[in-house]
N, C-alpha and C. Protein backbone atom coordinates (compact mmCIF):
# COMPACT_ATOMS: atom_id res chain seq x y z
N MET A 1 -4.39 -4.59 -7.32
CA MET A 1 -3.64 -4.84 -6.58
C MET A 1 -4.38 -4.03 -5.72
N ARG A 2 -5.46 -3.50 -5.47
CA ARG A 2 -6.05 -3.05 -4.12
C ARG A 2 -5.58 -4.24 -2.99
N GLU A 3 -6.52 -5.44 -3.61
CA GLU A 3 -6.13 -6.12 -2.77
C GLU A 3 -4.99 -7.11 -2.11
N LEU A 4 -3.76 -6.85 -2.61
CA LEU A 4 -2.40 -7.13 -2.32
C LEU A 4 -2.49 -5.55 -1.14
N VAL A 5 -2.48 -5.03 -1.53
CA VAL A 5 -1.45 -3.56 -0.94
C VAL A 5 -2.72 -4.12 0.91
N GLU A 6 -3.95 -3.92 0.36
CA GLU A 6 -4.76 -4.67 1.88
C GLU A 6 -4.73 -5.54 2.52
N VAL A 7 -4.31 -6.76 2.11
CA VAL A 7 -4.00 -8.07 3.04
C VAL A 7 -2.29 -7.83 3.24
N ILE A 8 -1.47 -6.75 2.60
CA ILE A 8 -0.14 -6.37 3.52
C ILE A 8 -0.70 -5.37 4.59
N ALA A 9 -1.96 -4.76 4.40
CA ALA A 9 -1.93 -3.69 5.17
C ALA A 9 -2.08 -4.79 6.56
N LYS A 10 -3.70 -4.67 6.23
CA LYS A 10 -3.57 -6.13 7.54
C LYS A 10 -3.53 -6.47 8.73
N SER A 11 -2.14 -7.74 7.81
CA SER A 11 -1.21 -8.18 8.51
C SER A 11 -0.45 -6.87 9.25
N LEU A 12 -0.50 -6.14 8.56
CA LEU A 12 0.56 -5.35 9.74
C LEU A 12 0.15 -5.00 10.99
N VAL A 13 -1.31 -4.40 11.04
CA VAL A 13 -1.58 -3.00 12.18
C VAL A 13 -2.17 -3.93 12.77
N ASP A 14 -2.44 -3.34 13.99
CA ASP A 14 -3.46 -3.66 15.28
C ASP A 14 -4.68 -3.64 15.05
N ASN A 15 -5.18 -2.65 13.67
CA ASN A 15 -6.58 -2.26 13.62
C ASN A 15 -7.31 -2.15 12.43
N PRO A 16 -7.14 -3.76 11.67
CA PRO A 16 -7.12 -4.08 11.00
C PRO A 16 -8.67 -3.64 9.97
N ASP A 17 -9.32 -3.52 11.09
CA ASP A 17 -11.18 -2.37 10.33
C ASP A 17 -11.02 -1.58 10.05
N GLU A 18 -9.96 -0.73 10.31
CA GLU A 18 -9.66 0.88 9.83
C GLU A 18 -9.00 1.17 8.66
N VAL A 19 -8.30 -0.47 8.22
CA VAL A 19 -7.45 -0.02 6.92
C VAL A 19 -8.33 0.27 5.52
N VAL A 20 -8.17 1.36 5.02
CA VAL A 20 -9.41 1.32 3.58
C VAL A 20 -7.96 2.04 2.77
N VAL A 21 -8.43 1.16 1.94
CA VAL A 21 -7.73 1.23 0.53
C VAL A 21 -8.44 1.23 -1.20
N THR A 22 -7.91 2.45 -1.55
CA THR A 22 -8.47 3.13 -3.00
C THR A 22 -7.48 2.45 -3.60
N GLU A 23 -8.55 2.29 -4.92
CA GLU A 23 -7.99 2.60 -6.28
C GLU A 23 -7.82 3.66 -7.25
N GLU A 24 -7.65 3.69 -8.14
CA GLU A 24 -7.82 5.25 -9.14
C GLU A 24 -6.38 5.41 -10.01
N GLU A 25 -7.22 4.87 -11.20
CA GLU A 25 -6.85 4.71 -12.84
C GLU A 25 -6.11 6.54 -12.74
N THR A 26 -4.56 7.20 -13.70
CA THR A 26 -4.59 8.05 -14.00
C THR A 26 -4.00 7.63 -15.04
N GLU A 27 -3.29 9.19 -15.76
CA GLU A 27 -2.55 8.98 -17.27
C GLU A 27 -1.21 8.25 -17.07
N ASN A 28 -0.82 8.72 -15.57
CA ASN A 28 0.46 7.76 -15.35
C ASN A 28 0.84 6.34 -15.15
N GLY A 29 -0.74 6.17 -14.38
CA GLY A 29 -0.78 4.86 -14.03
C GLY A 29 -1.76 4.26 -12.61
N ILE A 30 -1.61 3.63 -12.69
CA ILE A 30 -2.73 3.05 -11.53
C ILE A 30 -2.41 3.55 -9.58
N VAL A 31 -3.33 4.89 -8.69
CA VAL A 31 -2.38 5.01 -7.95
C VAL A 31 -3.38 4.22 -6.85
N VAL A 32 -2.67 3.98 -5.67
CA VAL A 32 -3.09 2.69 -4.66
C VAL A 32 -3.14 3.66 -3.63
N SER A 33 -4.42 4.19 -2.77
CA SER A 33 -4.34 4.79 -1.78
C SER A 33 -4.26 3.96 -0.34
N LEU A 34 -3.45 4.21 0.60
CA LEU A 34 -3.24 3.24 1.44
C LEU A 34 -4.03 4.38 2.93
N LYS A 35 -4.80 4.12 3.45
CA LYS A 35 -5.31 4.89 5.21
C LYS A 35 -5.50 3.87 6.06
N VAL A 36 -4.80 3.85 6.65
CA VAL A 36 -5.03 3.29 8.06
C VAL A 36 -4.81 4.29 9.36
N ALA A 37 -5.59 3.90 10.62
CA ALA A 37 -5.55 4.43 11.95
C ALA A 37 -4.34 5.21 12.47
N PRO A 38 -3.82 6.28 12.79
CA PRO A 38 -3.53 7.30 13.38
C PRO A 38 -2.60 6.09 14.18
N SER A 39 -2.99 5.46 15.09
CA SER A 39 -1.84 4.68 15.57
C SER A 39 -1.49 3.22 15.23
N ASP A 40 -1.61 3.40 13.86
CA ASP A 40 -0.97 2.23 13.17
C ASP A 40 0.21 2.94 12.36
N MET A 41 0.45 4.24 12.10
CA MET A 41 1.02 4.60 11.05
C MET A 41 2.57 4.00 11.30
N GLY A 42 3.01 4.47 12.34
CA GLY A 42 4.83 3.24 12.75
C GLY A 42 4.27 2.23 11.97
N LYS A 43 3.97 1.28 12.38
CA LYS A 43 3.35 0.32 11.44
C LYS A 43 3.67 -0.19 10.27
N VAL A 44 3.13 1.06 9.87
CA VAL A 44 2.83 0.40 8.44
C VAL A 44 4.17 1.28 7.30
N ILE A 45 4.57 2.07 8.15
CA ILE A 45 5.87 3.16 7.83
C ILE A 45 6.87 2.73 7.86
N GLY A 46 7.19 1.93 9.12
CA GLY A 46 8.65 1.56 9.87
C GLY A 46 9.59 2.45 10.01
N LYS A 47 10.59 1.87 10.37
CA LYS A 47 12.29 2.68 10.56
C LYS A 47 12.40 2.78 9.43
N GLN A 48 12.51 4.44 9.27
CA GLN A 48 13.34 4.85 7.93
C GLN A 48 12.94 4.62 6.95
N GLY A 49 11.39 3.85 6.84
CA GLY A 49 10.64 4.00 5.61
C GLY A 49 10.90 2.43 5.37
N ARG A 50 11.89 1.46 5.57
CA ARG A 50 11.98 0.70 5.04
C ARG A 50 10.46 -0.66 5.27
N ILE A 51 9.53 -0.75 5.78
CA ILE A 51 8.28 -1.55 6.00
C ILE A 51 7.34 -0.57 4.03
N ALA A 52 6.42 0.75 4.30
CA ALA A 52 6.83 1.40 2.97
C ALA A 52 7.62 0.92 1.41
N ARG A 53 8.81 1.48 1.48
CA ARG A 53 9.58 0.61 0.54
C ARG A 53 9.02 -0.98 0.29
N ALA A 54 9.19 -1.56 1.46
CA ALA A 54 9.29 -3.10 1.23
C ALA A 54 7.51 -3.44 0.27
N ILE A 55 6.75 -2.52 0.66
CA ILE A 55 5.08 -2.82 0.33
C ILE A 55 5.46 -2.30 -1.58
N ARG A 56 6.06 -1.39 -1.63
CA ARG A 56 5.77 -0.60 -2.72
C ARG A 56 6.69 -1.41 -3.57
N SER A 57 7.28 -2.34 -3.30
CA SER A 57 8.77 -2.77 -4.09
C SER A 57 7.56 -4.34 -4.82
N VAL A 58 7.05 -5.03 -3.11
CA VAL A 58 6.15 -5.83 -3.65
C VAL A 58 5.17 -5.65 -4.73
N VAL A 59 4.49 -4.55 -4.47
CA VAL A 59 3.41 -4.09 -5.49
C VAL A 59 3.92 -3.90 -7.39
N LYS A 60 5.05 -3.10 -6.81
CA LYS A 60 6.07 -3.24 -8.66
C LYS A 60 6.25 -4.16 -8.41
N ALA A 61 6.57 -5.41 -7.96
CA ALA A 61 6.70 -6.67 -8.56
C ALA A 61 5.49 -6.85 -9.46
N ALA A 62 4.56 -7.16 -8.50
CA ALA A 62 3.20 -7.53 -8.93
C ALA A 62 2.97 -6.51 -10.68
N ALA A 63 2.90 -5.46 -9.76
CA ALA A 63 2.25 -4.96 -11.47
C ALA A 63 3.43 -5.26 -12.77
N THR A 64 4.72 -5.46 -12.27
CA THR A 64 5.11 -5.41 -13.47
C THR A 64 4.96 -6.49 -14.32
N ARG A 65 3.97 -7.85 -13.09
CA ARG A 65 3.58 -8.69 -14.27
C ARG A 65 2.63 -8.52 -15.03
N GLU A 66 1.94 -7.50 -15.25
CA GLU A 66 0.95 -7.39 -15.23
C GLU A 66 1.02 -6.17 -16.05
N ASP A 67 2.52 -5.87 -16.67
CA ASP A 67 2.49 -4.71 -17.71
C ASP A 67 1.90 -3.33 -17.01
N LYS A 68 1.99 -3.23 -16.08
CA LYS A 68 1.02 -1.84 -15.18
C LYS A 68 1.61 -0.97 -14.20
N LYS A 69 1.62 0.33 -14.81
CA LYS A 69 2.31 1.43 -13.12
C LYS A 69 1.58 1.47 -12.23
N VAL A 70 2.59 1.21 -11.09
CA VAL A 70 1.45 1.37 -9.69
C VAL A 70 2.19 2.03 -8.71
N ILE A 71 1.86 2.65 -8.39
CA ILE A 71 1.83 3.89 -7.46
C ILE A 71 1.06 3.46 -6.08
N VAL A 72 2.25 3.15 -5.06
CA VAL A 72 1.66 3.58 -3.92
C VAL A 72 1.74 4.36 -2.87
N GLU A 73 0.58 4.75 -2.17
CA GLU A 73 0.95 6.22 -1.45
C GLU A 73 -0.13 6.17 0.02
N ILE A 74 0.89 6.25 0.94
CA ILE A 74 0.32 6.25 2.72
C ILE A 74 0.15 7.74 2.81
N GLU A 75 -1.73 7.63 3.32
CA GLU A 75 -2.36 9.15 3.85
C GLU A 75 -1.88 8.53 4.92
């Protein structure tokens, strides 16, 4: 899941070198944290959170295929 979030985020931002994605397994599932440059936050979140919601939907669909629960956090 980490690779999927990383590819999506790098294609959206102006500074792909500053994209950092970490993956941590918890009892609730897998938590994927996405960090981008402050100037790119708007591009990752989108108007009214639409892009962030779309990223979460794509990751959730991929996780469902593998019977996993994934939470995407944007920091």
